[in-house]
Amino acid sequence: MTAHAPEICDPEGGEAGLTLVELLVVIGLMALIGVFISGGLTAIRAAVPLSRMMDASDETALARDHLRKTISEAVSQSLLPQDLYFEGTAQQLGFVASADPVFEAPGLVRVRLSVEMVDGVPALVERRRLDRDGAAETGAAVLIAGIGGAAFTYARGDAVLAEIRKGDPLPDRLAITLTFPPGDRRQFRPLEIPIVCAPPASKN
């Protein structure tokens, strides 16, 4: 009988696991991936406030354009000044404008801008109703939410007016100023609108 020598396992000949070099490579790759992930999360965190600021800026810009367009068109209509519904105080403003052709019947509507509490915070709100006393409201919209306050000021010549009553001569200029709570980065430059009514049509 031939004797067989016992088999001896060669630790370097089989798949015994990771070597020290391979382990260091894996650790290095994991660290590199961690750096990329951390950098990406930091960029995302930085982008979120920027995105919010851009959204807020769009909101105020849209509201500003809407106010300028609506008020300018309203006071430039060919209506006799004494028939033009226009009144305002430091806290609110009311005027007549053309009805929205999409949501309202053709004609004129009374628009009122004021600060109201919406979901517990002040907001600049626009309310609309048909141009007649006691008419039903046709719509309401929050133009800018979460404001600190709003002020409407009027001027005729060099005089600053505290209020305009219905039937008073129209002011020459109107300014709308909005403030925001501390820490709110939104901005709204005072919106100044010249008030120029079209002259009444001559009667022959």
C-alpha atoms as a PDB file:
ATOM      1  CA  MET A   1       0.000   0.000   0.000  1.00  0.00           C
ATOM      2  CA  THR A   2       1.208   3.398  -0.831  1.00  0.00           C
ATOM      3  CA  ALA A   3       1.001   5.939   1.947  1.00  0.00           C
ATOM      4  CA  HIS A   4      -0.570   9.319   1.084  1.00  0.00           C
ATOM      5  CA  ALA A   5       0.881  12.423   2.555  1.00  0.00           C
ATOM      6  CA  PRO A   6      -1.667  14.593   4.381  1.00  0.00           C
ATOM      7  CA  GLU A   7      -2.961  17.596   2.400  1.00  0.00           C
ATOM      8  CA  ILE A   8      -1.719  20.925   3.665  1.00  0.00           C
ATOM      9  CA  CYS A   9      -3.906  24.034   3.048  1.00  0.00           C
ATOM     10  CA  ASP A  10      -2.074  26.909   1.468  1.00  0.00           C
ATOM     11  CA  PRO A  11      -3.548  30.117   2.850  1.00  0.00           C
ATOM     12  CA  GLU A  12      -2.189  32.113  -0.080  1.00  0.00           C
ATOM     13  CA  GLY A  13      -3.377  29.682  -2.719  1.00  0.00           C
ATOM     14  CA  GLY A  14      -7.146  29.828  -2.068  1.00  0.00           C
ATOM     15  CA  GLU A  15      -9.693  32.669  -1.793  1.00  0.00           C
ATOM     16  CA  ALA A  16      -9.002  33.501   1.817  1.00  0.00           C
ATOM     17  CA  GLY A  17     -10.608  37.025   1.689  1.00  0.00           C
ATOM     18  CA  LEU A  18      -9.413  40.617   1.179  1.00  0.00           C
ATOM     19  CA  THR A  19      -5.803  41.488   1.437  1.00  0.00           C
ATOM     20  CA  LEU A  20      -4.713  44.608   3.273  1.00  0.00           C
ATOM     21  CA  VAL A  21      -4.263  46.533  -0.008  1.00  0.00           C
ATOM     22  CA  GLU A  22      -7.744  45.581  -1.230  1.00  0.00           C
ATOM     23  CA  LEU A  23      -9.228  46.585   2.108  1.00  0.00           C
ATOM     24  CA  LEU A  24      -7.566  50.001   1.920  1.00  0.00           C
ATOM     25  CA  VAL A  25      -8.872  50.479  -1.632  1.00  0.00           C
ATOM     26  CA  VAL A  26     -12.432  49.661  -0.515  1.00  0.00           C
ATOM     27  CA  ILE A  27     -12.182  52.067   2.432  1.00  0.00           C
ATOM     28  CA  GLY A  28     -10.853  54.783   0.132  1.00  0.00           C
ATOM     29  CA  LEU A  29     -13.714  54.279  -2.344  1.00  0.00           C
ATOM     30  CA  MET A  30     -16.283  54.387   0.453  1.00  0.00           C
ATOM     31  CA  ALA A  31     -14.785  57.613   1.773  1.00  0.00           C
ATOM     32  CA  LEU A  32     -14.867  59.128  -1.729  1.00  0.00           C
ATOM     33  CA  ILE A  33     -18.519  58.150  -2.191  1.00  0.00           C
ATOM     34  CA  GLY A  34     -19.286  59.670   1.212  1.00  0.00           C
ATOM     35  CA  VAL A  35     -17.690  62.950   0.162  1.00  0.00           C
ATOM     36  CA  PHE A  36     -19.776  63.048  -3.032  1.00  0.00           C
ATOM     37  CA  ILE A  37     -22.993  62.293  -1.140  1.00  0.00           C
ATOM     38  CA  SER A  38     -22.212  64.878   1.520  1.00  0.00           C
ATOM     39  CA  GLY A  39     -21.447  67.502  -1.130  1.00  0.00           C
ATOM     40  CA  GLY A  40     -24.671  66.701  -2.962  1.00  0.00           C
ATOM     41  CA  LEU A  41     -26.761  67.027   0.208  1.00  0.00           C
ATOM     42  CA  THR A  42     -25.091  70.345   1.000  1.00  0.00           C
ATOM     43  CA  ALA A  43     -25.891  71.607  -2.501  1.00  0.00           C
ATOM     44  CA  ILE A  44     -29.514  70.480  -2.131  1.00  0.00           C
ATOM     45  CA  ARG A  45     -29.818  72.222   1.246  1.00  0.00           C
ATOM     46  CA  ALA A  46     -28.412  75.401  -0.277  1.00  0.00           C
ATOM     47  CA  ALA A  47     -30.717  75.164  -3.301  1.00  0.00           C
ATOM     48  CA  VAL A  48     -33.946  74.823  -1.280  1.00  0.00           C
ATOM     49  CA  PRO A  49     -33.853  78.343   0.252  1.00  0.00           C
ATOM     50  CA  LEU A  50     -32.819  79.753  -3.125  1.00  0.00           C
ATOM     51  CA  SER A  51     -35.770  78.013  -4.771  1.00  0.00           C
ATOM     52  CA  ARG A  52     -38.094  79.370  -2.109  1.00  0.00           C
ATOM     53  CA  MET A  53     -36.717  82.875  -2.625  1.00  0.00           C
ATOM     54  CA  MET A  54     -37.256  82.574  -6.377  1.00  0.00           C
ATOM     55  CA  ASP A  55     -40.830  81.364  -5.848  1.00  0.00           C
ATOM     56  CA  ALA A  56     -41.483  84.247  -3.429  1.00  0.00           C
ATOM     57  CA  SER A  57     -39.942  86.709  -5.864  1.00  0.00           C
ATOM     58  CA  ASP A  58     -42.196  85.395  -8.631  1.00  0.00           C
ATOM     59  CA  GLU A  59     -45.208  85.750  -6.350  1.00  0.00           C
ATOM     60  CA  THR A  60     -44.525  89.399  -5.522  1.00  0.00           C
ATOM     61  CA  ALA A  61     -43.632  90.214  -9.147  1.00  0.00           C
ATOM     62  CA  LEU A  62     -46.892  88.690 -10.412  1.00  0.00           C
ATOM     63  CA  ALA A  63     -48.903  90.549  -7.774  1.00  0.00           C
ATOM     64  CA  ARG A  64     -47.125  93.797  -8.634  1.00  0.00           C
ATOM     65  CA  ASP A  65     -47.832  93.404 -12.363  1.00  0.00           C
ATOM     66  CA  HIS A  66     -51.467  92.518 -11.657  1.00  0.00           C
ATOM     67  CA  LEU A  67     -51.986  95.576  -9.436  1.00  0.00           C
ATOM     68  CA  ARG A  68     -50.335  97.951 -11.884  1.00  0.00           C
ATOM     69  CA  LYS A  69     -52.308  96.599 -14.849  1.00  0.00           C
ATOM     70  CA  THR A  70     -55.673  96.454 -13.074  1.00  0.00           C
ATOM     71  CA  ILE A  71     -55.489  99.906 -11.480  1.00  0.00           C
ATOM     72  CA  SER A  72     -53.980 101.612 -14.518  1.00  0.00           C
ATOM     73  CA  GLU A  73     -56.631 100.186 -16.825  1.00  0.00           C
ATOM     74  CA  ALA A  74     -59.388 101.017 -14.347  1.00  0.00           C
ATOM     75  CA  VAL A  75     -58.587 104.708 -13.952  1.00  0.00           C
ATOM     76  CA  SER A  76     -57.870 105.223 -17.647  1.00  0.00           C
ATOM     77  CA  GLN A  77     -61.296 104.051 -18.795  1.00  0.00           C
ATOM     78  CA  SER A  78     -63.437 106.591 -20.588  1.00  0.00           C
ATOM     79  CA  LEU A  79     -65.713 107.179 -17.602  1.00  0.00           C
ATOM     80  CA  LEU A  80     -66.718 110.548 -16.244  1.00  0.00           C
ATOM     81  CA  PRO A  81     -64.723 111.211 -13.047  1.00  0.00           C
ATOM     82  CA  GLN A  82     -67.891 111.843 -11.041  1.00  0.00           C
ATOM     83  CA  ASP A  83     -69.226 108.432 -12.086  1.00  0.00           C
ATOM     84  CA  LEU A  84     -65.994 106.615 -11.314  1.00  0.00           C
ATOM     85  CA  TYR A  85     -66.163 104.599  -8.111  1.00  0.00           C
ATOM     86  CA  PHE A  86     -62.830 105.331  -6.458  1.00  0.00           C
ATOM     87  CA  GLU A  87     -62.325 105.558  -2.714  1.00  0.00           C
ATOM     88  CA  GLY A  88     -59.574 104.661  -0.364  1.00  0.00           C
ATOM     89  CA  THR A  89     -57.961 104.974   3.031  1.00  0.00           C
ATOM     90  CA  ALA A  90     -54.522 104.003   4.277  1.00  0.00           C
ATOM     91  CA  GLN A  91     -55.776 100.451   4.863  1.00  0.00           C
ATOM     92  CA  GLN A  92     -57.839  99.736   1.750  1.00  0.00           C
ATOM     93  CA  LEU A  93     -58.582 100.840  -1.779  1.00  0.00           C
ATOM     94  CA  GLY A  94     -61.711 100.502  -3.908  1.00  0.00           C
ATOM     95  CA  PHE A  95     -62.140 101.239  -7.607  1.00  0.00           C
ATOM     96  CA  VAL A  96     -64.057 100.193 -10.707  1.00  0.00           C
ATOM     97  CA  ALA A  97     -62.445  97.931 -13.287  1.00  0.00           C
ATOM     98  CA  SER A  98     -63.489  95.992 -16.352  1.00  0.00           C
ATOM     99  CA  ALA A  99     -64.867  92.556 -15.582  1.00  0.00           C
ATOM    100  CA  ASP A 100     -62.629  89.559 -16.185  1.00  0.00           C
ATOM    101  CA  PRO A 101     -63.913  88.116 -19.496  1.00  0.00           C
ATOM    102  CA  VAL A 102     -63.018  84.574 -18.403  1.00  0.00           C
ATOM    103  CA  PHE A 103     -64.679  84.466 -14.983  1.00  0.00           C
ATOM    104  CA  GLU A 104     -67.185  87.325 -14.992  1.00  0.00           C
ATOM    105  CA  ALA A 105     -70.036  88.620 -17.134  1.00  0.00           C
ATOM    106  CA  PRO A 106     -69.159  91.560 -19.402  1.00  0.00           C
ATOM    107  CA  GLY A 107     -69.371  94.937 -17.742  1.00  0.00           C
ATOM    108  CA  LEU A 108     -67.761  96.630 -14.765  1.00  0.00           C
ATOM    109  CA  VAL A 109     -66.888  95.341 -11.315  1.00  0.00           C
ATOM    110  CA  ARG A 110     -65.904  97.031  -8.083  1.00  0.00           C
ATOM    111  CA  VAL A 111     -62.504  95.898  -6.843  1.00  0.00           C
ATOM    112  CA  ARG A 112     -61.466  96.254  -3.215  1.00  0.00           C
ATOM    113  CA  LEU A 113     -57.900  95.722  -1.993  1.00  0.00           C
ATOM    114  CA  SER A 114     -57.328  95.295   1.719  1.00  0.00           C
ATOM    115  CA  VAL A 115     -55.346  93.390   4.324  1.00  0.00           C
ATOM    116  CA  GLU A 116     -57.238  90.428   5.764  1.00  0.00           C
ATOM    117  CA  MET A 117     -56.317  87.535   8.011  1.00  0.00           C
ATOM    118  CA  VAL A 118     -55.977  84.344   5.964  1.00  0.00           C
ATOM    119  CA  ASP A 119     -55.085  81.138   7.837  1.00  0.00           C
ATOM    120  CA  GLY A 120     -54.015  83.230  10.803  1.00  0.00           C
ATOM    121  CA  VAL A 121     -51.621  85.529   8.933  1.00  0.00           C
ATOM    122  CA  PRO A 122     -52.169  88.908   7.213  1.00  0.00           C
ATOM    123  CA  ALA A 123     -52.559  88.818   3.431  1.00  0.00           C
ATOM    124  CA  LEU A 124     -53.261  91.310   0.668  1.00  0.00           C
ATOM    125  CA  VAL A 125     -56.675  90.270  -0.653  1.00  0.00           C
ATOM    126  CA  GLU A 126     -58.575  91.387  -3.734  1.00  0.00           C
ATOM    127  CA  ARG A 127     -62.380  91.152  -3.655  1.00  0.00           C
ATOM    128  CA  ARG A 128     -64.617  91.793  -6.666  1.00  0.00           C
ATOM    129  CA  ARG A 129     -68.353  92.472  -7.031  1.00  0.00           C
ATOM    130  CA  LEU A 130     -70.628  93.860  -9.717  1.00  0.00           C
ATOM    131  CA  ASP A 131     -70.598  97.651 -10.068  1.00  0.00           C
ATOM    132  CA  ARG A 132     -73.742  98.399  -8.143  1.00  0.00           C
ATOM    133  CA  ASP A 133     -74.564  98.849  -4.486  1.00  0.00           C
ATOM    134  CA  GLY A 134     -75.452  95.639  -2.698  1.00  0.00           C
ATOM    135  CA  ALA A 135     -74.281  93.390  -5.534  1.00  0.00           C
ATOM    136  CA  ALA A 136     -73.053  89.891  -4.794  1.00  0.00           C
ATOM    137  CA  GLU A 137     -69.344  89.182  -4.660  1.00  0.00           C
ATOM    138  CA  THR A 138     -68.052  87.619  -7.860  1.00  0.00           C
ATOM    139  CA  GLY A 139     -64.675  86.509  -6.575  1.00  0.00           C
ATOM    140  CA  ALA A 140     -61.855  86.892  -4.059  1.00  0.00           C
ATOM    141  CA  ALA A 141     -58.144  86.171  -4.379  1.00  0.00           C
ATOM    142  CA  VAL A 142     -55.117  86.281  -2.086  1.00  0.00           C
ATOM    143  CA  LEU A 143     -52.518  88.305  -3.964  1.00  0.00           C
ATOM    144  CA  ILE A 144     -49.689  88.001  -1.431  1.00  0.00           C
ATOM    145  CA  ALA A 145     -49.917  85.951   1.763  1.00  0.00           C
ATOM    146  CA  GLY A 146     -47.939  86.332   4.966  1.00  0.00           C
ATOM    147  CA  ILE A 147     -47.289  90.066   4.743  1.00  0.00           C
ATOM    148  CA  GLY A 148     -46.535  92.350   7.656  1.00  0.00           C
ATOM    149  CA  GLY A 149     -48.869  95.095   6.455  1.00  0.00           C
ATOM    150  CA  ALA A 150     -49.948  97.282   3.559  1.00  0.00           C
ATOM    151  CA  ALA A 151     -50.403 101.031   3.150  1.00  0.00           C
ATOM    152  CA  PHE A 152     -52.189 102.969   0.417  1.00  0.00           C
ATOM    153  CA  THR A 153     -51.221 106.625  -0.022  1.00  0.00           C
ATOM    154  CA  TYR A 154     -52.666 109.256  -2.339  1.00  0.00           C
ATOM    155  CA  ALA A 155     -51.353 112.559  -3.641  1.00  0.00           C
ATOM    156  CA  ARG A 156     -52.880 115.477  -5.502  1.00  0.00           C
ATOM    157  CA  GLY A 157     -50.243 117.948  -6.594  1.00  0.00           C
ATOM    158  CA  ASP A 158     -47.865 118.358  -3.640  1.00  0.00           C
ATOM    159  CA  ALA A 159     -50.516 117.413  -1.087  1.00  0.00           C
ATOM    160  CA  VAL A 160     -50.592 113.955   0.469  1.00  0.00           C
ATOM    161  CA  LEU A 161     -54.162 112.853   1.172  1.00  0.00           C
ATOM    162  CA  ALA A 162     -55.239 110.702   4.094  1.00  0.00           C
ATOM    163  CA  GLU A 163     -58.229 109.323   2.222  1.00  0.00           C
ATOM    164  CA  ILE A 164     -60.290 109.630  -0.923  1.00  0.00           C
ATOM    165  CA  ARG A 165     -64.072 109.507  -0.613  1.00  0.00           C
ATOM    166  CA  LYS A 166     -66.447 108.497  -3.351  1.00  0.00           C
ATOM    167  CA  GLY A 167     -67.202 111.591  -5.435  1.00  0.00           C
ATOM    168  CA  ASP A 168     -63.997 113.417  -4.453  1.00  0.00           C
ATOM    169  CA  PRO A 169     -61.724 114.591  -7.259  1.00  0.00           C
ATOM    170  CA  LEU A 170     -59.364 111.795  -8.129  1.00  0.00           C
ATOM    171  CA  PRO A 171     -55.783 111.982  -6.838  1.00  0.00           C
ATOM    172  CA  ASP A 172     -52.896 112.423  -9.257  1.00  0.00           C
ATOM    173  CA  ARG A 173     -50.928 109.514  -7.875  1.00  0.00           C
ATOM    174  CA  LEU A 174     -51.453 106.359  -5.880  1.00  0.00           C
ATOM    175  CA  ALA A 175     -48.769 104.400  -4.043  1.00  0.00           C
ATOM    176  CA  ILE A 176     -48.994 100.915  -2.548  1.00  0.00           C
ATOM    177  CA  THR A 177     -46.417  99.853   0.027  1.00  0.00           C
ATOM    178  CA  LEU A 178     -46.088  96.367   1.499  1.00  0.00           C
ATOM    179  CA  THR A 179     -43.999  95.282   4.468  1.00  0.00           C
ATOM    180  CA  PHE A 180     -42.984  91.765   5.462  1.00  0.00           C
ATOM    181  CA  PRO A 181     -42.293  90.138   8.838  1.00  0.00           C
ATOM    182  CA  PRO A 182     -38.695  90.052  10.178  1.00  0.00           C
ATOM    183  CA  GLY A 183     -36.686  87.322   8.481  1.00  0.00           C
ATOM    184  CA  ASP A 184     -38.907  87.294   5.387  1.00  0.00           C
ATOM    185  CA  ARG A 185     -36.626  88.008   2.424  1.00  0.00           C
ATOM    186  CA  ARG A 186     -39.371  88.972   0.014  1.00  0.00           C
ATOM    187  CA  GLN A 187     -39.239  92.511  -1.299  1.00  0.00           C
ATOM    188  CA  PHE A 188     -41.911  94.758  -2.740  1.00  0.00           C
ATOM    189  CA  ARG A 189     -40.755  98.170  -3.878  1.00  0.00           C
ATOM    190  CA  PRO A 190     -43.442 100.834  -3.408  1.00  0.00           C
ATOM    191  CA  LEU A 191     -45.735 100.643  -6.415  1.00  0.00           C
ATOM    192  CA  GLU A 192     -46.497 104.148  -7.696  1.00  0.00           C
ATOM    193  CA  ILE A 193     -49.266 104.533 -10.277  1.00  0.00           C
ATOM    194  CA  PRO A 194     -50.159 107.826 -11.972  1.00  0.00           C
ATOM    195  CA  ILE A 195     -53.904 108.311 -12.183  1.00  0.00           C
ATOM    196  CA  VAL A 196     -54.898 109.804 -15.522  1.00  0.00           C
ATOM    197  CA  CYS A 197     -58.533 109.569 -16.522  1.00  0.00           C
ATOM    198  CA  ALA A 198     -59.496 109.880 -20.135  1.00  0.00           C
ATOM    199  CA  PRO A 199     -61.331 113.162 -20.780  1.00  0.00           C
ATOM    200  CA  PRO A 200     -65.092 112.809 -21.159  1.00  0.00           C
ATOM    201  CA  ALA A 201     -66.359 112.548 -24.694  1.00  0.00           C
ATOM    202  CA  SER A 202     -67.621 115.829 -26.097  1.00  0.00           C
ATOM    203  CA  LYS A 203     -71.369 116.105 -26.579  1.00  0.00           C
ATOM    204  CA  ASN A 204     -72.604 117.500 -29.883  1.00  0.00           C
END
